[in-house]
Protein backbone atom coordinates (compact mmCIF):
# COMPACT_ATOMS: atom_id res chain seq x y z
CA MET A 1 19.53 -8.61 -24.71
CA ARG A 2 19.97 -7.04 -27.91
CA ARG A 3 16.92 -4.71 -27.23
CA LEU A 4 18.50 -3.64 -24.39
CA ALA A 5 22.23 -3.53 -25.78
CA ILE A 6 20.56 -1.05 -28.66
CA GLU A 7 18.69 1.31 -26.33
CA LEU A 8 21.94 1.74 -23.76
CA HIS A 9 24.08 2.36 -27.00
CA VAL A 10 26.91 -0.58 -26.52
CA GLU A 11 27.65 -3.88 -27.66
CA ALA A 12 25.50 -6.71 -26.45
CA MET A 13 28.31 -8.90 -25.14
CA SER A 14 28.85 -5.92 -23.11
CA LEU A 15 26.18 -6.65 -21.15
CA TYR A 16 27.66 -9.76 -19.72
CA TYR A 17 30.32 -8.29 -17.82
CA HIS A 18 27.75 -6.82 -15.02
CA LEU A 19 24.85 -9.96 -15.98
CA ARG A 20 25.49 -13.72 -16.22
CA ASP A 21 22.37 -13.72 -18.19
CA LYS A 22 18.82 -12.41 -18.88
CA GLU A 23 17.28 -14.01 -15.83
CA ALA A 24 19.76 -12.00 -13.41
CA LEU A 25 18.62 -9.08 -15.71
CA LEU A 26 14.99 -9.79 -14.67
CA ASP A 27 15.90 -10.33 -11.11
CA GLY A 28 16.97 -7.08 -11.03
CA VAL A 29 14.32 -5.62 -12.37
CA VAL A 30 12.61 -7.38 -9.48
CA GLU A 31 14.58 -6.23 -7.28
CA THR A 32 13.59 -2.67 -8.15
CA VAL A 33 10.04 -2.74 -8.11
CA ILE A 34 9.96 -4.22 -4.72
CA ALA A 35 12.47 -1.30 -3.62
CA GLU A 36 9.89 0.71 -5.21
CA VAL A 37 7.13 -0.73 -2.98
CA GLY A 38 9.26 -0.34 -0.01
CA ALA A 39 10.00 3.47 -0.63
CA ALA A 40 6.48 3.98 -1.10
CA VAL A 41 5.38 1.98 2.21
CA THR A 42 8.30 3.80 4.27
CA ARG A 43 7.28 7.38 3.22
CA PRO A 44 6.46 9.34 6.61
CA ASP A 45 2.93 8.46 8.02
CA THR A 46 1.03 12.28 7.10
CA LYS A 47 -1.09 11.67 10.06
CA GLY A 48 1.26 11.33 12.85
CA GLY A 49 1.43 8.60 15.98
CA GLY A 50 1.74 4.87 15.09
CA GLU A 51 -0.39 2.40 13.12
CA ASP A 52 -1.73 -0.80 14.27
CA TRP A 53 -1.09 -3.75 12.53
CA ARG A 54 -4.13 -3.49 9.89
CA THR A 55 -3.67 -0.05 9.17
CA ARG A 56 0.17 -1.07 8.55
CA LEU A 57 -0.72 -4.02 6.30
CA ARG A 58 -3.73 -2.19 4.33
CA ARG A 59 -1.27 0.51 3.58
CA GLN A 60 1.46 -1.46 2.73
CA PHE A 61 -0.20 -3.68 0.15
CA LEU A 62 -2.49 -0.53 -1.24
CA ALA A 63 1.18 0.94 -1.78
CA ALA A 64 2.19 -2.30 -3.43
CA ARG A 65 -0.96 -1.73 -5.66
CA HIS A 66 0.03 1.45 -6.59
CA VAL A 67 3.61 0.60 -7.86
CA MET A 68 1.80 -2.26 -9.62
CA LEU A 69 -0.53 -0.07 -11.62
CA ARG A 70 2.28 2.24 -12.88
CA HIS A 71 4.01 -1.30 -13.65
CA PRO A 72 1.33 -3.37 -15.14
CA TRP A 73 3.84 -5.65 -16.74
CA ALA A 74 5.35 -6.33 -13.16
CA PRO A 75 2.68 -9.33 -11.88
CA GLY A 76 3.45 -11.41 -14.69
CA LEU A 77 7.25 -10.87 -14.01
CA LEU A 78 7.27 -11.99 -10.77
CA GLY A 79 5.23 -14.71 -11.30
CA SER A 80 7.71 -15.90 -13.96
CA ARG A 81 10.68 -15.69 -11.52
CA ARG A 82 12.71 -19.68 -10.93
CA THR A 83 13.52 -18.46 -7.60
CA VAL A 84 12.19 -16.14 -5.21
CA PRO A 85 14.52 -13.34 -4.88
CA ALA A 86 16.22 -12.33 -1.33
CA VAL A 87 14.33 -8.62 -1.59
CA VAL A 88 10.86 -10.52 -1.85
CA LEU A 89 11.78 -12.94 1.14
CA ALA A 90 12.86 -9.79 2.92
CA TYR A 91 9.56 -8.07 1.95
CA TYR A 92 7.75 -11.17 3.23
CA ASP A 93 9.55 -11.62 6.40
CA GLU A 94 8.48 -7.75 7.31
CA ILE A 95 4.95 -8.33 7.05
CA ILE A 96 5.38 -11.89 9.29
CA GLY A 97 7.28 -9.22 11.69
CA THR A 98 4.05 -7.01 11.41
CA LEU A 99 1.91 -9.98 12.47
CA VAL A 100 3.86 -11.30 15.09
CA GLY A 101 4.89 -7.98 16.85
CA ALA A 102 1.12 -7.62 16.73
CA GLY A 103 0.34 -10.68 18.55
CA PHE A 104 -0.38 -13.46 16.18
CA SER A 105 1.52 -16.48 16.27
CA TYR A 106 3.98 -17.82 13.96
CA ARG A 107 1.45 -20.54 12.89
CA LEU A 108 -1.50 -17.59 12.21
CA ALA A 109 0.84 -15.57 10.50
CA HIS A 110 1.59 -18.67 7.99
CA ARG A 111 -1.84 -19.06 7.55
CA ALA A 112 -2.47 -15.45 6.80
CA LEU A 113 0.33 -15.49 4.04
CA HIS A 114 -1.56 -18.31 2.19
CA ALA A 115 -4.81 -16.14 2.76
CA PHE A 116 -3.30 -12.99 1.29
CA GLY A 117 -1.70 -14.83 -1.69
CA SER A 118 -0.72 -11.87 -4.02
CA LEU A 119 -2.29 -8.88 -2.20
CA PRO A 120 0.86 -8.23 -0.32
CA LEU A 121 2.57 -7.64 -3.65
CA GLY A 122 -0.17 -5.25 -5.06
CA PHE A 123 -2.47 -7.48 -7.42
CA ALA A 124 -5.01 -10.36 -7.42
CA GLN A 125 -3.61 -13.62 -8.89
CA GLU A 126 -6.77 -15.25 -10.66
CA ILE A 127 -7.04 -18.83 -10.95
CA PHE A 128 -7.80 -18.83 -14.51
CA SER A 129 -8.01 -15.48 -17.26
CA PRO A 130 -9.69 -15.54 -20.56
CA GLU A 131 -6.80 -13.78 -21.97
CA SER A 132 -4.24 -16.11 -20.88
CA ALA A 133 -6.25 -18.56 -22.44
CA GLY A 134 -6.51 -16.53 -25.92
CA GLY A 135 -9.69 -15.12 -25.14
CA ASN A 136 -10.67 -11.55 -24.87
CA MET A 137 -12.29 -9.68 -22.31
CA GLU A 138 -12.97 -6.25 -24.56
CA ASP A 139 -16.43 -5.09 -24.20
CA ASP A 140 -17.86 -6.44 -27.28
CA ALA A 141 -16.07 -9.42 -26.96
CA ALA A 142 -17.23 -10.04 -23.76
CA GLU A 143 -20.85 -9.51 -24.46
CA ALA A 144 -20.74 -11.81 -27.13
CA ASP A 145 -19.31 -14.93 -24.97
CA LEU A 146 -21.75 -14.29 -22.08
CA ALA A 147 -24.48 -13.96 -24.92
CA ALA A 148 -23.35 -17.36 -26.38
CA THR A 149 -22.92 -19.16 -22.44
CA ALA A 150 -25.80 -17.52 -20.50
CA GLU A 151 -27.99 -20.72 -21.37
CA ASN A 152 -25.64 -22.95 -19.81
CA LEU A 153 -24.01 -21.04 -17.00
CA PRO A 154 -26.73 -18.58 -15.99
CA HIS A 155 -25.40 -17.78 -12.52
CA LEU A 156 -21.82 -17.55 -13.56
CA THR A 157 -22.80 -15.35 -16.53
CA ALA A 158 -25.14 -12.61 -14.71
CA MET A 159 -22.12 -12.54 -12.34
CA VAL A 160 -19.80 -11.47 -14.74
CA ALA A 161 -22.11 -9.31 -16.61
CA ALA A 162 -22.84 -7.37 -13.60
CA GLU A 163 -18.90 -7.00 -13.12
CA ILE A 164 -17.48 -6.09 -15.89
CA HIS A 165 -15.26 -3.34 -15.35
CA ASP A 166 -15.74 0.58 -15.95
CA SER A 167 -13.12 1.53 -17.97
CA THR A 168 -11.67 4.25 -15.23
CA ASP A 169 -11.47 1.69 -12.76
CA PRO A 170 -7.61 0.42 -12.45
CA THR A 171 -7.47 -3.12 -13.11
CA LEU A 172 -4.08 -5.53 -13.34
CA GLY A 173 -6.33 -8.46 -15.12
CA TRP A 174 -9.52 -9.21 -16.28
CA CYS A 175 -11.09 -9.66 -12.48
CA ASP A 176 -8.63 -7.54 -10.45
CA SER A 177 -10.27 -4.32 -10.02
CA GLN A 178 -9.42 -1.89 -6.69
CA ILE A 179 -12.73 -2.27 -5.37
CA GLU A 180 -12.11 -6.18 -5.64
CA PHE A 181 -8.41 -5.77 -4.23
CA GLU A 182 -9.57 -4.08 -1.39
CA PHE A 183 -12.62 -5.80 -0.54
CA THR A 184 -10.38 -8.88 -0.56
CA LEU A 185 -8.01 -7.13 2.18
CA ASP A 186 -9.85 -6.04 4.24
CA LEU A 187 -12.42 -9.09 4.47
CA LEU A 188 -8.89 -10.57 5.22
CA LEU A 189 -7.61 -8.44 7.75
CA ASP A 190 -10.86 -8.35 9.59
CA GLY A 191 -10.88 -12.41 9.61
CA LEU A 192 -7.52 -11.95 10.91
CA GLU A 193 -8.60 -9.71 13.93
CA ARG A 194 -11.06 -12.19 14.75
CA LEU A 195 -8.81 -15.02 15.04
CA ARG A 196 -6.16 -12.95 16.80
CA GLY A 197 -8.51 -12.55 19.77
């Protein structure tokens, strides 16, 4: 709060007339990011005509990813909230509405939300991350780690070696490239289409 006050050229205590605490400020930042996602999604469809549910959700999730790539700190912020901000609940309500409007039951829509995980917000939340554990996924460090573990974990090591990301591929984590994001999204949408029938 002190840093923000310095940036705004005000006294730190004056911020508390507008915000109850730092958490309220961070919740407001989340609301702003989700509003930015909403604005990106509701831009006019340049192709014209209506969209089917898969096209709509794919476009929505990719718009969210575009926003997250502009704000790579946002996935961590979203994951740190103590409560789910109302704007995030409304965002997911719209996703459920798209699924139900396409003929999915609420039961299948609920399961779809679990399967999607964090994809609707534009990133893939990994179950573990070497960086969060104090590791480093820079090329030199990654190669040294691979060499040290290749004997004990040959298949995992070979997969990681084959999948080390090109520095031009936009990522939001050590294992969240654009290609992986779109592969997972398309796999889920295709599977849901089969289940809907």
